[in-house]
Amino acid sequence: ISFWDEADYPPLLRQLPEAALAGVLVYVALHLFPLRALRELVQRSPIEAAIAVAGFGLVVLLPLQTGLPMAMLLSLIHASTPLFVPQIAELRQVPGTTVWWQCPAGAAPAQPGVLVLGLTAPVNFANAEGLAEDIRQAVARHSGLRLVVLECAGVLSVDLTGAEVLAGLLDDLRAGGVQVALARVESERAREDLRRSGFLDRLGEDHLFQTVDAAVRSLAP
């Protein structure tokens, strides 16, 4: 079965059997991605190995103009998935420092009335509701909270839907007597997104801090 019209071939290639051309392509593919490299990839990252094998199969089994874009799309989906599946991490202060980190060894006990959560991805229409629910669940696990600090170093952008969901979360926490502060919004784009959406006006510039430590020292009960 031929996937391509022979008229599309250069004159020299028209004289070669397609099986010979296929053999050349397989030879090149095997030397570009040797089996030893695949074995190492399986050991180090099974997911990436599966994507590599799937991409190879798509390119080999389908017409090139179909298989190659599909393989590229598969890789793109894998690379962008973390942007739509954010995680929150509870942060504790590293003893003797002003650094707050995800449960470091020997971390100080949680400061009474204070919860610090690190956000790890942009906030957008695809993940905002899940992110807000995760924050609500984290708040529910701590009694007597008076301050929630969201550490936003991992937040590169906030779309309009994300800002609206964060505004709803802000209102809910404040209604329960809990202050909310943002710290380390290092992305200029994220700050502009929050400002343009009106979220910063709602939050208050006095609740936006350069560091978690500054937010806790300023607002902790």
Protein backbone atom coordinates (compact mmCIF):
# COMPACT_ATOMS: atom_id res chain seq x y z
CA ILE A 1 0.00 0.00 0.00
CA SER A 2 1.38 3.38 -0.94
CA PHE A 3 0.66 6.37 1.26
CA TRP A 4 2.15 8.87 -1.19
CA ASP A 5 1.63 9.62 -4.85
CA GLU A 6 4.73 8.67 -6.81
CA ALA A 7 4.36 11.93 -8.73
CA ASP A 8 5.44 13.70 -5.53
CA TYR A 9 8.78 11.87 -5.48
CA PRO A 10 11.94 13.40 -6.98
CA PRO A 11 12.85 11.65 -10.29
CA LEU A 12 15.67 9.60 -8.73
CA LEU A 13 13.50 8.28 -5.90
CA ARG A 14 10.79 7.17 -8.34
CA GLN A 15 13.16 4.42 -9.49
CA LEU A 16 13.56 2.96 -5.98
CA PRO A 17 11.15 0.43 -4.46
CA GLU A 18 9.16 1.82 -1.56
CA ALA A 19 10.40 -1.03 0.61
CA ALA A 20 13.96 0.20 0.10
CA LEU A 21 12.96 3.74 1.06
CA ALA A 22 11.18 2.42 4.14
CA GLY A 23 14.29 0.47 5.11
CA VAL A 24 16.40 3.61 4.87
CA LEU A 25 13.95 5.51 7.09
CA VAL A 26 13.89 2.72 9.69
CA TYR A 27 17.72 2.57 9.68
CA VAL A 28 17.94 6.33 10.23
CA ALA A 29 15.30 6.21 12.97
CA LEU A 30 17.06 3.43 14.86
CA HIS A 31 20.36 5.29 14.77
CA LEU A 32 18.78 8.57 15.82
CA PHE A 33 17.10 6.87 18.76
CA PRO A 34 19.01 3.67 19.63
CA LEU A 35 17.45 0.96 21.77
CA ARG A 36 20.00 1.58 24.51
CA ALA A 37 18.77 5.14 24.83
CA LEU A 38 15.20 3.89 24.97
CA ARG A 39 16.05 1.47 27.80
CA GLU A 40 17.64 4.30 29.77
CA LEU A 41 14.62 6.48 29.13
CA VAL A 42 12.29 3.74 30.41
CA GLN A 43 14.29 3.55 33.62
CA ARG A 44 14.46 7.30 34.16
CA SER A 45 11.06 8.41 32.90
CA PRO A 46 8.52 5.74 31.87
CA ILE A 47 5.99 8.36 30.79
CA GLU A 48 8.43 10.04 28.41
CA ALA A 49 9.46 6.64 27.09
CA ALA A 50 5.83 5.80 26.34
CA ILE A 51 5.41 9.10 24.51
CA ALA A 52 8.57 8.46 22.51
CA VAL A 53 7.37 5.00 21.47
CA ALA A 54 3.89 6.33 20.63
CA GLY A 55 5.39 9.14 18.58
CA PHE A 56 7.64 6.71 16.74
CA GLY A 57 4.66 4.49 15.99
CA LEU A 58 2.56 7.39 14.72
CA VAL A 59 5.29 8.53 12.35
CA VAL A 60 6.02 5.02 11.07
CA LEU A 61 2.47 3.69 10.75
CA LEU A 62 0.71 6.80 9.44
CA PRO A 63 1.48 9.04 6.49
CA LEU A 64 4.21 11.46 7.47
CA GLN A 65 1.98 14.51 7.03
CA THR A 66 -0.43 12.93 9.54
CA GLY A 67 1.81 11.03 11.93
CA LEU A 68 4.39 13.77 12.51
CA PRO A 69 1.87 16.48 13.56
CA MET A 70 0.14 13.95 15.82
CA ALA A 71 3.43 13.01 17.46
CA MET A 72 4.24 16.69 17.98
CA LEU A 73 0.77 17.27 19.45
CA LEU A 74 1.26 14.36 21.85
CA SER A 75 4.52 15.86 23.09
CA LEU A 76 2.93 19.29 23.42
CA ILE A 77 0.07 17.90 25.51
CA HIS A 78 2.54 16.14 27.80
CA ALA A 79 4.64 19.29 28.20
CA SER A 80 1.67 21.56 28.92
CA THR A 81 -0.28 19.26 31.25
CA PRO A 82 1.43 20.60 34.43
CA LEU A 83 0.13 24.06 33.54
CA PHE A 84 -3.45 22.82 33.84
CA VAL A 85 -3.00 20.52 36.83
CA PRO A 86 -1.65 22.81 39.56
CA GLN A 87 -0.73 21.68 43.02
CA ILE A 88 -0.61 23.57 46.27
CA ALA A 89 2.10 22.97 48.83
CA GLU A 90 1.95 23.86 52.50
CA LEU A 91 5.05 25.82 53.41
CA ARG A 92 6.84 25.98 56.76
CA GLN A 93 9.60 28.27 57.90
CA VAL A 94 13.13 26.88 57.78
CA PRO A 95 14.49 27.30 61.32
CA GLY A 96 16.91 30.19 61.73
CA THR A 97 16.02 31.75 58.37
CA THR A 98 13.32 33.85 56.73
CA VAL A 99 12.85 31.13 54.08
CA TRP A 100 9.55 29.28 53.79
CA TRP A 101 9.77 25.90 52.07
CA GLN A 102 7.68 22.81 51.50
CA CYS A 103 7.89 20.91 54.81
CA PRO A 104 11.72 21.00 55.06
CA ALA A 105 13.48 18.61 57.40
CA GLY A 106 13.33 19.99 60.92
CA ALA A 107 10.76 22.58 59.89
CA ALA A 108 9.33 24.73 62.64
CA PRO A 109 5.79 23.92 63.76
CA ALA A 110 3.07 25.74 61.89
CA GLN A 111 2.59 29.21 63.31
CA PRO A 112 -0.74 29.36 65.13
CA GLY A 113 -3.43 31.02 63.08
CA VAL A 114 -1.27 31.17 59.91
CA LEU A 115 -1.35 28.99 56.80
CA VAL A 116 1.13 29.50 53.95
CA LEU A 117 0.38 27.78 50.65
CA GLY A 118 2.60 27.74 47.57
CA LEU A 119 0.93 27.82 44.15
CA THR A 120 2.81 25.98 41.42
CA ALA A 121 1.21 26.96 38.11
CA PRO A 122 -0.57 29.73 36.21
CA VAL A 123 -4.18 30.25 37.29
CA ASN A 124 -6.54 29.91 34.34
CA PHE A 125 -9.99 28.79 33.24
CA ALA A 126 -8.92 25.14 33.19
CA ASN A 127 -7.59 24.87 36.74
CA ALA A 128 -8.97 27.77 38.77
CA GLU A 129 -11.95 25.99 40.29
CA GLY A 130 -9.88 22.96 41.29
CA LEU A 131 -7.18 25.19 42.74
CA ALA A 132 -9.69 27.17 44.81
CA GLU A 133 -11.24 23.94 46.09
CA ASP A 134 -7.81 22.62 47.12
CA ILE A 135 -7.17 25.85 49.04
CA ARG A 136 -10.56 25.62 50.76
CA GLN A 137 -9.80 22.04 51.81
CA ALA A 138 -6.40 23.06 53.17
CA VAL A 139 -8.03 25.86 55.15
CA ALA A 140 -10.66 23.47 56.50
CA ARG A 141 -7.92 21.20 57.89
CA HIS A 142 -6.61 24.00 60.13
CA SER A 143 -8.69 25.37 62.97
CA GLY A 144 -8.42 28.91 64.26
CA LEU A 145 -6.92 30.39 61.09
CA ARG A 146 -6.62 34.14 60.88
CA LEU A 147 -4.23 34.51 57.95
CA VAL A 148 -3.69 32.67 54.66
CA VAL A 149 -0.64 33.64 52.61
CA LEU A 150 -0.51 32.47 49.00
CA GLU A 151 3.07 32.23 47.78
CA CYS A 152 2.85 32.90 44.03
CA ALA A 153 6.38 32.48 42.69
CA GLY A 154 5.08 29.71 40.40
CA VAL A 155 2.19 31.78 39.07
CA LEU A 156 3.27 33.09 35.67
CA SER A 157 -0.13 34.40 34.58
CA VAL A 158 -3.74 34.73 35.74
CA ASP A 159 -6.52 34.86 33.16
CA LEU A 160 -9.84 36.62 33.78
CA THR A 161 -11.62 33.44 34.89
CA GLY A 162 -8.79 32.65 37.28
CA ALA A 163 -8.93 36.15 38.76
CA GLU A 164 -12.70 35.90 39.25
CA VAL A 165 -12.36 32.55 41.02
CA LEU A 166 -9.62 33.94 43.26
CA ALA A 167 -11.84 36.93 44.05
CA GLY A 168 -14.63 34.57 45.11
CA LEU A 169 -12.18 32.65 47.30
CA LEU A 170 -10.99 35.93 48.83
CA ASP A 171 -14.55 36.94 49.70
CA ASP A 172 -15.31 33.54 51.24
CA LEU A 173 -12.22 33.54 53.45
CA ARG A 174 -12.75 37.10 54.58
CA ALA A 175 -16.37 36.30 55.42
CA GLY A 176 -14.99 33.60 57.74
CA GLY A 177 -12.67 36.06 59.47
CA VAL A 178 -9.53 35.02 57.62
CA GLN A 179 -7.19 37.57 56.05
CA VAL A 180 -5.60 36.77 52.70
CA ALA A 181 -2.23 37.98 51.42
CA LEU A 182 -0.20 37.32 48.29
CA ALA A 183 3.58 37.01 48.39
CA ARG A 184 6.29 36.70 45.77
CA VAL A 185 4.18 37.52 42.72
CA GLU A 186 7.38 37.70 40.73
CA SER A 187 5.92 37.50 37.24
CA GLU A 188 5.28 40.95 35.81
CA ARG A 189 2.60 39.46 33.60
CA ALA A 190 0.83 37.90 36.58
CA ARG A 191 0.89 41.18 38.49
CA GLU A 192 -0.51 43.03 35.50
CA ASP A 193 -3.20 40.36 35.04
CA LEU A 194 -4.25 40.74 38.69
CA ARG A 195 -4.22 44.51 38.44
CA ARG A 196 -6.15 44.67 35.18
CA SER A 197 -8.81 42.25 36.44
CA GLY A 198 -9.42 44.37 39.53
CA PHE A 199 -8.26 41.65 41.92
CA LEU A 200 -5.47 43.75 43.44
CA ASP A 201 -7.92 46.56 44.20
CA ARG A 202 -10.12 44.04 45.92
CA LEU A 203 -7.22 42.49 47.82
CA GLY A 204 -5.56 45.77 48.71
CA GLU A 205 -1.98 46.74 47.88
CA ASP A 206 -1.18 46.45 51.60
CA HIS A 207 -1.81 42.72 51.33
CA LEU A 208 0.71 42.20 48.50
CA PHE A 209 4.22 41.40 49.75
CA GLN A 210 7.62 40.67 48.27
CA THR A 211 8.27 37.78 50.68
CA VAL A 212 6.27 35.34 52.76
CA ASP A 213 8.19 36.38 55.85
CA ALA A 214 7.17 40.02 55.37
CA ALA A 215 3.51 39.02 54.98
CA VAL A 216 3.55 36.89 58.13
CA ARG A 217 5.34 39.50 60.24
CA SER A 218 2.97 42.21 59.07
CA LEU A 219 -0.37 40.41 59.29
CA ALA A 220 -0.02 37.41 61.62
CA PRO A 221 -2.30 37.54 64.67
